[in-house]
Amino acid sequence: MARYEKTGKKGHGCCGSIFTLFIVVVIILLLLAFSTNTLDSIKRRVLMEFYPQQYSSEVAYYSEMYGVDETLVYAVIRTESGFRAEVESSAGAMGLMQIMPSTFEWLQNLKDGEITHSTSELLTPEVSIEYGTYFLSYLLSHYDGNEMLAVAAYNAGMTNVDNWLEDEQYSLNGITLNEIPYSETSQYVKRVEKTKAMYESLYYDNN
């Protein structure tokens, strides 16, 4: 009798250990999955703080009006001013999208046929977003939808970009650039492209 009881207890203990181990493994896997999702969620929230969608109504409205990707507008705003509406550069560029007063006057004449806003209105978020987005739309059209050229021209000016396209040292076909000779503009284009990709990933990626 004693031998039977000892054998029976040993068999039950072995099955119990296997079952317990299985439960522990399942719990660990669930915790790992939960932790991964939690970490991803936290990371996403933190990144959203660094890549905000401020002035979303204005960006959505003027992006649709002028046919410019919202992520490009956000990327330019973040790169140019960090969403600081009243910032002015040492060169004289003003507002969220850092438009030069002379460029602002040219854009008004191009768009409206007359100057309807004072220079100080560049510090108004809606005005800056409207004309900055319109400018991007114009540049994209001028360069046949080539976003890299449009962004480069937004920083360095159309005259410089057009000259680079005509220079075989920088362009082999007169349509695209194999090199941007201005280091500042080259870095600017890279920052805008990287920031645009981040906005796409954070807010527009449905996968």
N, C-alpha and C. Protein backbone atom coordinates (compact mmCIF):
# COMPACT_ATOMS: atom_id res chain seq x y z
N MET A 1 0.83 -1.21 0.00
CA MET A 1 0.00 0.00 0.00
C MET A 1 0.86 1.25 0.00
N ALA A 2 1.90 1.24 0.83
CA ALA A 2 2.77 2.40 0.89
C ALA A 2 3.46 2.65 -0.45
N ARG A 3 3.87 1.54 -1.14
CA ARG A 3 4.54 1.68 -2.42
C ARG A 3 3.60 2.26 -3.46
N TYR A 4 2.32 1.87 -3.46
CA TYR A 4 1.34 2.34 -4.41
C TYR A 4 1.09 3.85 -4.24
N GLU A 5 0.95 4.26 -2.98
CA GLU A 5 0.71 5.66 -2.71
C GLU A 5 1.90 6.52 -3.16
N LYS A 6 3.12 6.03 -2.95
CA LYS A 6 4.31 6.79 -3.34
C LYS A 6 4.39 6.95 -4.85
N THR A 7 4.09 5.85 -5.57
CA THR A 7 4.12 5.89 -7.03
C THR A 7 3.06 6.82 -7.57
N GLY A 8 1.86 6.77 -7.00
CA GLY A 8 0.77 7.63 -7.46
C GLY A 8 1.10 9.10 -7.27
N LYS A 9 1.66 9.45 -6.16
CA LYS A 9 2.00 10.85 -5.90
C LYS A 9 3.06 11.36 -6.87
N LYS A 10 4.00 10.50 -7.23
CA LYS A 10 5.06 10.90 -8.13
C LYS A 10 4.51 11.22 -9.52
N GLY A 11 3.56 10.37 -10.00
CA GLY A 11 2.97 10.60 -11.31
C GLY A 11 2.17 11.89 -11.33
N HIS A 12 1.40 12.16 -10.31
CA HIS A 12 0.58 13.36 -10.25
C HIS A 12 1.47 14.60 -10.18
N GLY A 13 2.57 14.51 -9.47
CA GLY A 13 3.49 15.64 -9.34
C GLY A 13 4.15 15.97 -10.66
N CYS A 14 4.47 14.98 -11.45
CA CYS A 14 5.11 15.20 -12.76
C CYS A 14 4.17 15.92 -13.71
N CYS A 15 2.90 15.47 -13.74
CA CYS A 15 1.91 16.11 -14.61
C CYS A 15 1.65 17.54 -14.16
N GLY A 16 1.59 17.71 -12.85
CA GLY A 16 1.37 19.05 -12.30
C GLY A 16 2.49 20.00 -12.66
N SER A 17 3.71 19.49 -12.62
CA SER A 17 4.86 20.34 -12.96
C SER A 17 4.83 20.77 -14.41
N ILE A 18 4.46 19.83 -15.29
CA ILE A 18 4.37 20.16 -16.73
C ILE A 18 3.29 21.19 -16.97
N PHE A 19 2.16 21.02 -16.32
CA PHE A 19 1.05 21.96 -16.49
C PHE A 19 1.43 23.33 -15.96
N THR A 20 2.08 23.35 -14.80
CA THR A 20 2.50 24.62 -14.20
C THR A 20 3.51 25.33 -15.10
N LEU A 21 4.45 24.55 -15.64
CA LEU A 21 5.44 25.12 -16.54
C LEU A 21 4.78 25.72 -17.78
N PHE A 22 3.77 25.01 -18.29
CA PHE A 22 3.04 25.50 -19.46
C PHE A 22 2.36 26.83 -19.15
N ILE A 23 1.71 26.92 -18.00
CA ILE A 23 1.02 28.14 -17.59
C ILE A 23 2.02 29.29 -17.45
N VAL A 24 3.17 29.00 -16.85
CA VAL A 24 4.20 30.02 -16.65
C VAL A 24 4.70 30.54 -18.00
N VAL A 25 4.93 29.62 -18.95
CA VAL A 25 5.39 30.01 -20.29
C VAL A 25 4.36 30.90 -20.97
N VAL A 26 3.08 30.51 -20.88
CA VAL A 26 2.00 31.30 -21.49
C VAL A 26 1.94 32.70 -20.88
N ILE A 27 2.05 32.77 -19.56
CA ILE A 27 2.00 34.07 -18.87
C ILE A 27 3.17 34.95 -19.29
N ILE A 28 4.37 34.34 -19.38
CA ILE A 28 5.55 35.10 -19.79
C ILE A 28 5.38 35.65 -21.20
N LEU A 29 4.85 34.79 -22.11
CA LEU A 29 4.64 35.24 -23.48
C LEU A 29 3.63 36.38 -23.55
N LEU A 30 2.56 36.26 -22.73
CA LEU A 30 1.55 37.31 -22.71
C LEU A 30 2.13 38.61 -22.17
N LEU A 31 2.95 38.48 -21.12
CA LEU A 31 3.58 39.67 -20.54
C LEU A 31 4.54 40.32 -21.52
N LEU A 32 5.28 39.50 -22.25
CA LEU A 32 6.21 40.04 -23.24
C LEU A 32 5.45 40.79 -24.34
N ALA A 33 4.36 40.18 -24.79
CA ALA A 33 3.56 40.81 -25.83
C ALA A 33 2.97 42.12 -25.32
N PHE A 34 2.45 42.09 -24.09
CA PHE A 34 1.87 43.29 -23.49
C PHE A 34 2.93 44.36 -23.31
N SER A 35 4.09 43.97 -22.86
CA SER A 35 5.17 44.92 -22.63
C SER A 35 5.63 45.56 -23.93
N THR A 36 5.73 44.75 -25.00
CA THR A 36 6.14 45.27 -26.29
C THR A 36 5.14 46.30 -26.80
N ASN A 37 3.85 45.98 -26.69
CA ASN A 37 2.81 46.90 -27.13
C ASN A 37 2.82 48.17 -26.29
N THR A 38 3.05 48.00 -25.00
CA THR A 38 3.08 49.15 -24.11
C THR A 38 4.26 50.05 -24.45
N LEU A 39 5.42 49.44 -24.65
CA LEU A 39 6.61 50.23 -25.00
C LEU A 39 6.43 50.95 -26.33
N ASP A 40 5.84 50.26 -27.29
CA ASP A 40 5.58 50.88 -28.59
C ASP A 40 4.63 52.06 -28.44
N SER A 41 3.60 51.89 -27.59
CA SER A 41 2.64 52.95 -27.36
C SER A 41 3.29 54.15 -26.69
N ILE A 42 4.13 53.89 -25.69
CA ILE A 42 4.83 54.97 -25.00
C ILE A 42 5.77 55.69 -25.95
N LYS A 43 6.52 54.92 -26.73
CA LYS A 43 7.44 55.51 -27.71
C LYS A 43 6.69 56.40 -28.69
N ARG A 44 5.54 55.93 -29.15
CA ARG A 44 4.74 56.68 -30.12
C ARG A 44 4.25 57.99 -29.52
N ARG A 45 3.80 57.93 -28.26
CA ARG A 45 3.31 59.13 -27.59
C ARG A 45 4.42 60.15 -27.39
N VAL A 46 5.59 59.66 -27.04
CA VAL A 46 6.74 60.56 -26.84
C VAL A 46 7.11 61.23 -28.16
N LEU A 47 7.16 60.44 -29.24
CA LEU A 47 7.50 61.00 -30.55
C LEU A 47 6.47 62.03 -31.01
N MET A 48 5.20 61.79 -30.67
CA MET A 48 4.16 62.74 -31.05
C MET A 48 4.35 64.09 -30.36
N GLU A 49 4.95 64.06 -29.18
CA GLU A 49 5.24 65.32 -28.49
C GLU A 49 6.32 66.10 -29.24
N PHE A 50 7.26 65.38 -29.83
CA PHE A 50 8.35 66.02 -30.57
C PHE A 50 7.95 66.35 -32.02
N TYR A 51 6.92 65.64 -32.52
CA TYR A 51 6.43 65.89 -33.88
C TYR A 51 4.92 66.16 -33.80
N PRO A 52 4.56 67.33 -33.27
CA PRO A 52 3.14 67.63 -33.06
C PRO A 52 2.42 68.02 -34.35
N GLN A 53 1.11 68.05 -34.25
CA GLN A 53 0.27 68.51 -35.36
C GLN A 53 -0.45 69.80 -34.95
N GLN A 54 0.33 70.77 -34.53
CA GLN A 54 -0.25 72.06 -34.20
C GLN A 54 -0.80 72.72 -35.46
N TYR A 55 -1.81 73.57 -35.27
CA TYR A 55 -2.45 74.27 -36.38
C TYR A 55 -2.99 73.28 -37.41
N SER A 56 -3.54 72.18 -36.92
CA SER A 56 -3.98 71.10 -37.81
C SER A 56 -5.10 71.55 -38.75
N SER A 57 -6.01 72.41 -38.26
CA SER A 57 -7.12 72.86 -39.11
C SER A 57 -6.60 73.66 -40.30
N GLU A 58 -5.67 74.57 -40.01
CA GLU A 58 -5.11 75.41 -41.08
C GLU A 58 -4.29 74.57 -42.06
N VAL A 59 -3.50 73.65 -41.53
CA VAL A 59 -2.68 72.81 -42.40
C VAL A 59 -3.57 71.94 -43.30
N ALA A 60 -4.60 71.34 -42.71
CA ALA A 60 -5.50 70.50 -43.50
C ALA A 60 -6.21 71.31 -44.58
N TYR A 61 -6.67 72.50 -44.23
CA TYR A 61 -7.43 73.33 -45.16
C TYR A 61 -6.58 73.77 -46.35
N TYR A 62 -5.41 74.34 -46.07
CA TYR A 62 -4.59 74.88 -47.15
C TYR A 62 -3.84 73.79 -47.92
N SER A 63 -3.58 72.68 -47.28
CA SER A 63 -2.97 71.55 -47.99
C SER A 63 -3.92 71.03 -49.06
N GLU A 64 -5.19 70.92 -48.67
CA GLU A 64 -6.19 70.46 -49.64
C GLU A 64 -6.41 71.51 -50.73
N MET A 65 -6.45 72.77 -50.34
CA MET A 65 -6.69 73.85 -51.30
C MET A 65 -5.62 73.90 -52.38
N TYR A 66 -4.36 73.71 -51.97
CA TYR A 66 -3.25 73.87 -52.90
C TYR A 66 -2.63 72.54 -53.34
N GLY A 67 -3.21 71.44 -52.90
CA GLY A 67 -2.75 70.13 -53.37
C GLY A 67 -1.36 69.74 -52.89
N VAL A 68 -1.06 70.07 -51.64
CA VAL A 68 0.23 69.74 -51.06
C VAL A 68 0.03 68.73 -49.93
N ASP A 69 0.88 67.74 -49.86
CA ASP A 69 0.79 66.74 -48.82
C ASP A 69 0.91 67.39 -47.44
N GLU A 70 -0.03 67.07 -46.55
CA GLU A 70 0.00 67.63 -45.19
C GLU A 70 1.33 67.35 -44.50
N THR A 71 1.86 66.16 -44.70
CA THR A 71 3.11 65.80 -44.01
C THR A 71 4.26 66.69 -44.45
N LEU A 72 4.24 67.14 -45.69
CA LEU A 72 5.29 68.05 -46.17
C LEU A 72 5.16 69.41 -45.49
N VAL A 73 3.94 69.89 -45.34
CA VAL A 73 3.72 71.19 -44.68
C VAL A 73 4.18 71.11 -43.22
N TYR A 74 3.78 70.05 -42.52
CA TYR A 74 4.21 69.89 -41.13
C TYR A 74 5.74 69.81 -41.05
N ALA A 75 6.34 69.09 -41.98
CA ALA A 75 7.79 68.92 -41.96
C ALA A 75 8.51 70.24 -42.15
N VAL A 76 8.00 71.07 -43.05
CA VAL A 76 8.62 72.38 -43.29
C VAL A 76 8.43 73.29 -42.07
N ILE A 77 7.23 73.28 -41.51
CA ILE A 77 6.98 74.11 -40.32
C ILE A 77 7.91 73.70 -39.18
N ARG A 78 8.01 72.40 -38.92
CA ARG A 78 8.85 71.94 -37.81
C ARG A 78 10.32 72.27 -38.07
N THR A 79 10.76 72.09 -39.29
CA THR A 79 12.16 72.34 -39.63
C THR A 79 12.47 73.84 -39.61
N GLU A 80 11.56 74.64 -40.10
CA GLU A 80 11.80 76.08 -40.21
C GLU A 80 11.70 76.80 -38.87
N SER A 81 10.66 76.50 -38.10
CA SER A 81 10.39 77.31 -36.90
C SER A 81 10.14 76.53 -35.63
N GLY A 82 10.02 75.20 -35.75
CA GLY A 82 9.68 74.42 -34.56
C GLY A 82 8.32 74.81 -34.00
N PHE A 83 7.41 75.25 -34.88
CA PHE A 83 6.04 75.65 -34.53
C PHE A 83 5.99 76.92 -33.68
N ARG A 84 7.01 77.74 -33.76
CA ARG A 84 7.02 79.03 -33.06
C ARG A 84 6.54 80.10 -34.03
N ALA A 85 5.35 80.60 -33.81
CA ALA A 85 4.69 81.48 -34.77
C ALA A 85 5.37 82.83 -34.92
N GLU A 86 6.01 83.34 -33.89
CA GLU A 86 6.55 84.69 -33.94
C GLU A 86 8.06 84.75 -34.13
N VAL A 87 8.65 83.65 -34.53
CA VAL A 87 10.10 83.62 -34.69
C VAL A 87 10.53 84.39 -35.94
N GLU A 88 11.65 85.09 -35.83
CA GLU A 88 12.25 85.80 -36.95
C GLU A 88 13.72 85.41 -37.04
N SER A 89 14.20 85.09 -38.24
CA SER A 89 15.59 84.68 -38.42
C SER A 89 16.48 85.91 -38.56
N SER A 90 17.77 85.69 -38.43
CA SER A 90 18.73 86.78 -38.59
C SER A 90 18.72 87.33 -40.01
N ALA A 91 18.29 86.49 -40.96
CA ALA A 91 18.22 86.93 -42.36
C ALA A 91 16.95 87.70 -42.66
N GLY A 92 15.97 87.65 -41.72
CA GLY A 92 14.74 88.39 -41.92
C GLY A 92 13.52 87.54 -42.22
N ALA A 93 13.69 86.21 -42.33
CA ALA A 93 12.54 85.33 -42.57
C ALA A 93 11.65 85.32 -41.33
N MET A 94 10.34 85.24 -41.56
CA MET A 94 9.39 85.42 -40.46
C MET A 94 8.32 84.32 -40.42
N GLY A 95 7.89 84.03 -39.19
CA GLY A 95 6.72 83.19 -38.98
C GLY A 95 6.96 81.70 -39.01
N LEU A 96 5.88 80.97 -38.93
CA LEU A 96 5.93 79.50 -38.85
C LEU A 96 6.71 78.89 -40.00
N MET A 97 6.49 79.41 -41.21
CA MET A 97 7.13 78.81 -42.38
C MET A 97 8.28 79.65 -42.90
N GLN A 98 8.72 80.61 -42.07
CA GLN A 98 9.93 81.39 -42.33
C GLN A 98 10.01 81.93 -43.76
N ILE A 99 9.05 82.79 -44.07
CA ILE A 99 9.00 83.41 -45.40
C ILE A 99 9.65 84.79 -45.34
N MET A 100 10.48 85.08 -46.31
CA MET A 100 11.10 86.40 -46.40
C MET A 100 10.05 87.42 -46.84
N PRO A 101 10.10 88.65 -46.30
CA PRO A 101 9.14 89.68 -46.70
C PRO A 101 9.07 89.90 -48.21
N SER A 102 10.20 89.90 -48.89
CA SER A 102 10.21 90.09 -50.35
C SER A 102 9.50 88.93 -51.06
N THR A 103 9.73 87.72 -50.56
CA THR A 103 9.05 86.55 -51.12
C THR A 103 7.56 86.62 -50.85
N PHE A 104 7.18 87.12 -49.69
CA PHE A 104 5.78 87.27 -49.31
C PHE A 104 5.07 88.22 -50.27
N GLU A 105 5.71 89.33 -50.60
CA GLU A 105 5.11 90.28 -51.54
C GLU A 105 4.96 89.65 -52.93
N TRP A 106 5.99 88.92 -53.35
CA TRP A 106 5.94 88.26 -54.66
C TRP A 106 4.81 87.23 -54.70
N LEU A 107 4.67 86.46 -53.62
CA LEU A 107 3.63 85.44 -53.55
C LEU A 107 2.24 86.07 -53.58
N GLN A 108 2.07 87.20 -52.91
CA GLN A 108 0.77 87.87 -52.91
C GLN A 108 0.40 88.36 -54.31
N ASN A 109 1.36 88.94 -54.98
CA ASN A 109 1.11 89.40 -56.34
C ASN A 109 0.81 88.23 -57.28
N LEU A 110 1.53 87.13 -57.07
CA LEU A 110 1.34 85.94 -57.90
C LEU A 110 -0.04 85.32 -57.65
N LYS A 111 -0.42 85.26 -56.41
CA LYS A 111 -1.67 84.60 -56.04
C LYS A 111 -2.88 85.51 -56.16
N ASP A 112 -2.77 86.74 -55.68
CA ASP A 112 -3.92 87.63 -55.58
C ASP A 112 -3.91 88.77 -56.59
N GLY A 113 -2.77 88.97 -57.25
CA GLY A 113 -2.67 90.08 -58.19
C GLY A 113 -2.40 91.41 -57.53
N GLU A 114 -2.25 91.40 -56.22
CA GLU A 114 -1.97 92.61 -55.47
C GLU A 114 -1.49 92.24 -54.07
N ILE A 115 -0.93 93.22 -53.36
CA ILE A 115 -0.49 92.98 -51.99
C ILE A 115 -1.64 93.27 -51.05
N THR A 116 -2.10 92.25 -50.36
CA THR A 116 -3.27 92.38 -49.48
C THR A 116 -2.91 92.23 -48.00
N HIS A 117 -1.67 91.85 -47.71
CA HIS A 117 -1.25 91.66 -46.32
C HIS A 117 0.02 92.46 -46.04
N SER A 118 0.12 92.98 -44.82
CA SER A 118 1.34 93.65 -44.40
C SER A 118 2.38 92.61 -44.00
N THR A 119 3.64 93.01 -43.98
CA THR A 119 4.72 92.09 -43.62
C THR A 119 4.52 91.49 -42.24
N SER A 120 4.01 92.29 -41.30
CA SER A 120 3.82 91.81 -39.93
C SER A 120 2.85 90.64 -39.84
N GLU A 121 1.97 90.49 -40.84
CA GLU A 121 1.00 89.40 -40.83
C GLU A 121 1.63 88.04 -41.08
N LEU A 122 2.90 88.04 -41.47
CA LEU A 122 3.62 86.77 -41.59
C LEU A 122 3.73 86.07 -40.24
N LEU A 123 3.59 86.84 -39.16
CA LEU A 123 3.67 86.27 -37.82
C LEU A 123 2.33 85.67 -37.39
N THR A 124 1.31 85.84 -38.22
CA THR A 124 0.01 85.22 -37.97
C THR A 124 0.03 83.80 -38.52
N PRO A 125 -0.21 82.79 -37.69
CA PRO A 125 -0.10 81.39 -38.15
C PRO A 125 -0.85 81.08 -39.43
N GLU A 126 -2.10 81.51 -39.53
CA GLU A 126 -2.89 81.16 -40.72
C GLU A 126 -2.31 81.76 -41.99
N VAL A 127 -1.86 83.02 -41.90
CA VAL A 127 -1.28 83.68 -43.07
C VAL A 127 0.01 82.97 -43.50
N SER A 128 0.85 82.66 -42.53
CA SER A 128 2.10 81.97 -42.83
C SER A 128 1.86 80.61 -43.46
N ILE A 129 0.91 79.86 -42.91
CA ILE A 129 0.61 78.53 -43.44
C ILE A 129 -0.01 78.63 -44.84
N GLU A 130 -0.89 79.60 -45.04
CA GLU A 130 -1.51 79.76 -46.36
C GLU A 130 -0.47 80.04 -47.44
N TYR A 131 0.38 81.04 -47.20
CA TYR A 131 1.32 81.43 -48.24
C TYR A 131 2.53 80.50 -48.32
N GLY A 132 2.89 79.88 -47.19
CA GLY A 132 3.95 78.88 -47.23
C GLY A 132 3.53 77.66 -48.01
N THR A 133 2.29 77.23 -47.81
CA THR A 133 1.75 76.08 -48.55
C THR A 133 1.57 76.42 -50.02
N TYR A 134 1.11 77.63 -50.29
CA TYR A 134 0.97 78.07 -51.68
C TYR A 134 2.34 78.09 -52.38
N PHE A 135 3.35 78.54 -51.65
CA PHE A 135 4.70 78.57 -52.19
C PHE A 135 5.20 77.16 -52.51
N LEU A 136 4.95 76.23 -51.60
CA LEU A 136 5.34 74.83 -51.85
C LEU A 136 4.62 74.28 -53.08
N SER A 137 3.34 74.63 -53.21
CA SER A 137 2.56 74.18 -54.36
C SER A 137 3.14 74.72 -55.66
N TYR A 138 3.53 75.98 -55.64
CA TYR A 138 4.13 76.61 -56.81
C TYR A 138 5.45 75.93 -57.17
N LEU A 139 6.27 75.67 -56.17
CA LEU A 139 7.57 75.05 -56.41
C LEU A 139 7.41 73.62 -56.93
N LEU A 140 6.47 72.88 -56.37
CA LEU A 140 6.22 71.51 -56.83
C LEU A 140 5.78 71.51 -58.29
N SER A 141 4.95 72.48 -58.64
CA SER A 141 4.50 72.59 -60.04
C SER A 141 5.67 72.99 -60.95
N HIS A 142 6.48 73.91 -60.49
CA HIS A 142 7.61 74.40 -61.28
C HIS A 142 8.61 73.28 -61.58
N TYR A 143 8.77 72.37 -60.59
CA TYR A 143 9.74 71.28 -60.75
C TYR A 143 9.06 69.94 -61.03
N ASP A 144 7.89 70.02 -61.66
CA ASP A 144 7.17 68.82 -62.13
C ASP A 144 6.98 67.78 -61.03
N GLY A 145 6.65 68.24 -59.83
CA GLY A 145 6.35 67.33 -58.74
C GLY A 145 7.56 66.77 -58.01
N ASN A 146 8.76 67.21 -58.39
CA ASN A 146 9.98 66.72 -57.72
C ASN A 146 10.10 67.40 -56.36
N GLU A 147 9.77 66.64 -55.32
CA GLU A 147 9.71 67.19 -53.98
C GLU A 147 11.08 67.64 -53.48
N MET A 148 12.12 66.90 -53.81
CA MET A 148 13.46 67.26 -53.36
C MET A 148 13.87 68.62 -53.92
N LEU A 149 13.60 68.86 -55.21
CA LEU A 149 13.93 70.14 -55.81
C LEU A 149 13.09 71.27 -55.21
N ALA A 150 11.82 70.99 -54.97
CA ALA A 150 10.94 72.01 -54.39
C ALA A 150 11.41 72.41 -53.00
N VAL A 151 11.79 71.44 -52.20
CA VAL A 151 12.26 71.72 -50.85
C VAL A 151 13.60 72.46 -50.89
N ALA A 152 14.45 72.06 -51.81
CA ALA A 152 15.74 72.75 -51.96
C ALA A 152 15.53 74.20 -52.35
N ALA A 153 14.57 74.45 -53.25
CA ALA A 153 14.28 75.81 -53.68
C ALA A 153 13.63 76.62 -52.58
N TYR A 154 12.86 75.97 -51.74
CA TYR A 154 12.24 76.67 -50.60
C TYR A 154 13.33 77.23 -49.68
N ASN A 155 14.44 76.52 -49.60
CA ASN A 155 15.55 76.94 -48.74
C ASN A 155 16.53 77.86 -49.45
N ALA A 156 16.93 77.49 -50.66
CA ALA A 156 18.02 78.20 -51.34
C ALA A 156 17.54 79.17 -52.42
N GLY A 157 16.28 79.06 -52.80
CA GLY A 157 15.75 79.92 -53.85
C GLY A 157 15.73 79.22 -55.20
N MET A 158 14.77 79.58 -56.02
CA MET A 158 14.61 78.94 -57.33
C MET A 158 15.79 79.23 -58.25
N THR A 159 16.32 80.44 -58.17
CA THR A 159 17.44 80.80 -59.06
C THR A 159 18.61 79.87 -58.86
N ASN A 160 18.96 79.60 -57.62
CA ASN A 160 20.08 78.70 -57.35
C ASN A 160 19.80 77.29 -57.84
N VAL A 161 18.61 76.78 -57.55
CA VAL A 161 18.28 75.41 -57.97
C VAL A 161 18.26 75.31 -59.49
N ASP A 162 17.69 76.31 -60.17
CA ASP A 162 17.67 76.30 -61.63
C ASP A 162 19.09 76.33 -62.21
N ASN A 163 19.96 77.10 -61.58
CA ASN A 163 21.36 77.15 -62.03
C ASN A 163 22.06 75.81 -61.82
N TRP A 164 21.76 75.15 -60.71
CA TRP A 164 22.38 73.84 -60.44
C TRP A 164 21.92 72.82 -61.49
N LEU A 165 20.65 72.89 -61.87
CA LEU A 165 20.12 71.95 -62.86
C LEU A 165 20.79 72.15 -64.23
N GLU A 166 21.23 73.37 -64.49
CA GLU A 166 21.89 73.65 -65.77
C GLU A 166 23.39 73.36 -65.74
N ASP A 167 23.89 73.02 -64.58
CA ASP A 167 25.32 72.75 -64.41
C ASP A 167 25.56 71.24 -64.42
N GLU A 168 26.32 70.76 -65.40
CA GLU A 168 26.58 69.32 -65.52
C GLU A 168 27.32 68.76 -64.30
N GLN A 169 27.94 69.61 -63.52
CA GLN A 169 28.62 69.16 -62.33
C GLN A 169 27.63 68.67 -61.26
N TYR A 170 26.42 69.20 -61.32
CA TYR A 170 25.42 68.86 -60.31
C TYR A 170 24.21 68.12 -60.87
N SER A 171 24.01 68.19 -62.19
CA SER A 171 22.87 67.52 -62.79
C SER A 171 23.28 66.93 -64.13
N LEU A 172 22.98 65.66 -64.31
CA LEU A 172 23.35 64.98 -65.55
C LEU A 172 22.29 65.13 -66.63
N ASN A 173 21.06 65.44 -66.21
CA ASN A 173 19.98 65.50 -67.19
C ASN A 173 19.19 66.81 -67.18
N GLY A 174 19.55 67.72 -66.28
CA GLY A 174 18.83 68.99 -66.20
C GLY A 174 17.47 68.88 -65.56
N ILE A 175 17.16 67.71 -65.04
CA ILE A 175 15.85 67.47 -64.43
C ILE A 175 15.97 67.15 -62.95
N THR A 176 17.00 66.40 -62.59
CA THR A 176 17.23 66.03 -61.20
C THR A 176 18.65 66.43 -60.79
N LEU A 177 18.87 66.54 -59.50
CA LEU A 177 20.19 66.88 -58.98
C LEU A 177 20.86 65.63 -58.41
N ASN A 178 22.08 65.40 -58.81
CA ASN A 178 22.84 64.31 -58.20
C ASN A 178 23.64 64.82 -57.00
N GLU A 179 23.69 66.15 -56.87
CA GLU A 179 24.39 66.74 -55.73
C GLU A 179 23.86 68.15 -55.49
N ILE A 180 23.69 68.51 -54.22
CA ILE A 180 23.32 69.87 -53.85
C ILE A 180 24.58 70.55 -53.32
N PRO A 181 25.10 71.55 -54.02
CA PRO A 181 26.39 72.13 -53.65
C PRO A 181 26.40 72.91 -52.33
N TYR A 182 25.24 73.41 -51.93
CA TYR A 182 25.16 74.14 -50.67
C TYR A 182 24.97 73.13 -49.53
N SER A 183 25.92 73.09 -48.60
CA SER A 183 25.82 72.16 -47.48
C SER A 183 24.57 72.42 -46.65
N GLU A 184 24.28 73.70 -46.42
CA GLU A 184 23.09 74.06 -45.62
C GLU A 184 21.82 73.54 -46.27
N THR A 185 21.71 73.73 -47.58
CA THR A 185 20.52 73.27 -48.30
C THR A 185 20.44 71.76 -48.35
N SER A 186 21.58 71.11 -48.54
CA SER A 186 21.62 69.65 -48.55
C SER A 186 21.13 69.08 -47.23
N GLN A 187 21.61 69.65 -46.13
CA GLN A 187 21.18 69.19 -44.80
C GLN A 187 19.71 69.53 -44.56
N TYR A 188 19.28 70.67 -45.05
CA TYR A 188 17.88 71.08 -44.89
C TYR A 188 16.95 70.08 -45.58
N VAL A 189 17.28 69.72 -46.80
CA VAL A 189 16.46 68.76 -47.54
C VAL A 189 16.38 67.43 -46.80
N LYS A 190 17.49 66.98 -46.29
CA LYS A 190 17.52 65.71 -45.54
C LYS A 190 16.65 65.79 -44.29
N ARG A 191 16.71 66.92 -43.58
CA ARG A 191 15.90 67.08 -42.36
C ARG A 191 14.42 67.08 -42.69
N VAL A 192 14.06 67.79 -43.74
CA VAL A 192 12.65 67.85 -44.12
C VAL A 192 12.15 66.47 -44.54
N GLU A 193 12.93 65.76 -45.33
CA GLU A 193 12.53 64.42 -45.77
C GLU A 193 12.37 63.46 -44.58
N LYS A 194 13.32 63.53 -43.64
CA LYS A 194 13.26 62.67 -42.47
C LYS A 194 12.05 63.01 -41.61
N THR A 195 11.79 64.31 -41.43
CA THR A 195 10.66 64.75 -40.62
C THR A 195 9.34 64.37 -41.29
N LYS A 196 9.27 64.53 -42.60
CA LYS A 196 8.05 64.13 -43.34
C LYS A 196 7.78 62.65 -43.17
N ALA A 197 8.82 61.83 -43.25
CA ALA A 197 8.65 60.38 -43.07
C ALA A 197 8.16 60.06 -41.66
N MET A 198 8.63 60.81 -40.67
CA MET A 198 8.19 60.59 -39.30
C MET A 198 6.71 60.93 -39.14
N TYR A 199 6.27 62.01 -39.75
CA TYR A 199 4.85 62.37 -39.69
C TYR A 199 3.99 61.31 -40.38
N GLU A 200 4.47 60.82 -41.49
CA GLU A 200 3.72 59.77 -42.20
C GLU A 200 3.58 58.54 -41.32
N SER A 201 4.67 58.17 -40.63
CA SER A 201 4.66 56.99 -39.78
C SER A 201 3.76 57.16 -38.56
N LEU A 202 3.81 58.33 -37.95
CA LEU A 202 3.08 58.56 -36.70
C LEU A 202 1.58 58.78 -36.91
N TYR A 203 1.20 59.47 -37.99
CA TYR A 203 -0.18 59.91 -38.13
C TYR A 203 -0.93 59.37 -39.34
N TYR A 204 -0.20 58.89 -40.34
CA TYR A 204 -0.88 58.54 -41.60
C TYR A 204 -0.64 57.10 -42.03
N ASP A 205 0.14 56.35 -41.28
CA ASP A 205 0.41 54.96 -41.62
C ASP A 205 -0.67 54.08 -41.02
N ASN A 206 -1.48 53.48 -41.90
CA ASN A 206 -2.61 52.65 -41.44
C ASN A 206 -2.23 51.20 -41.26
N ASN A 207 -0.96 50.84 -41.55
CA ASN A 207 -0.57 49.44 -41.44
C ASN A 207 -0.30 49.09 -39.99
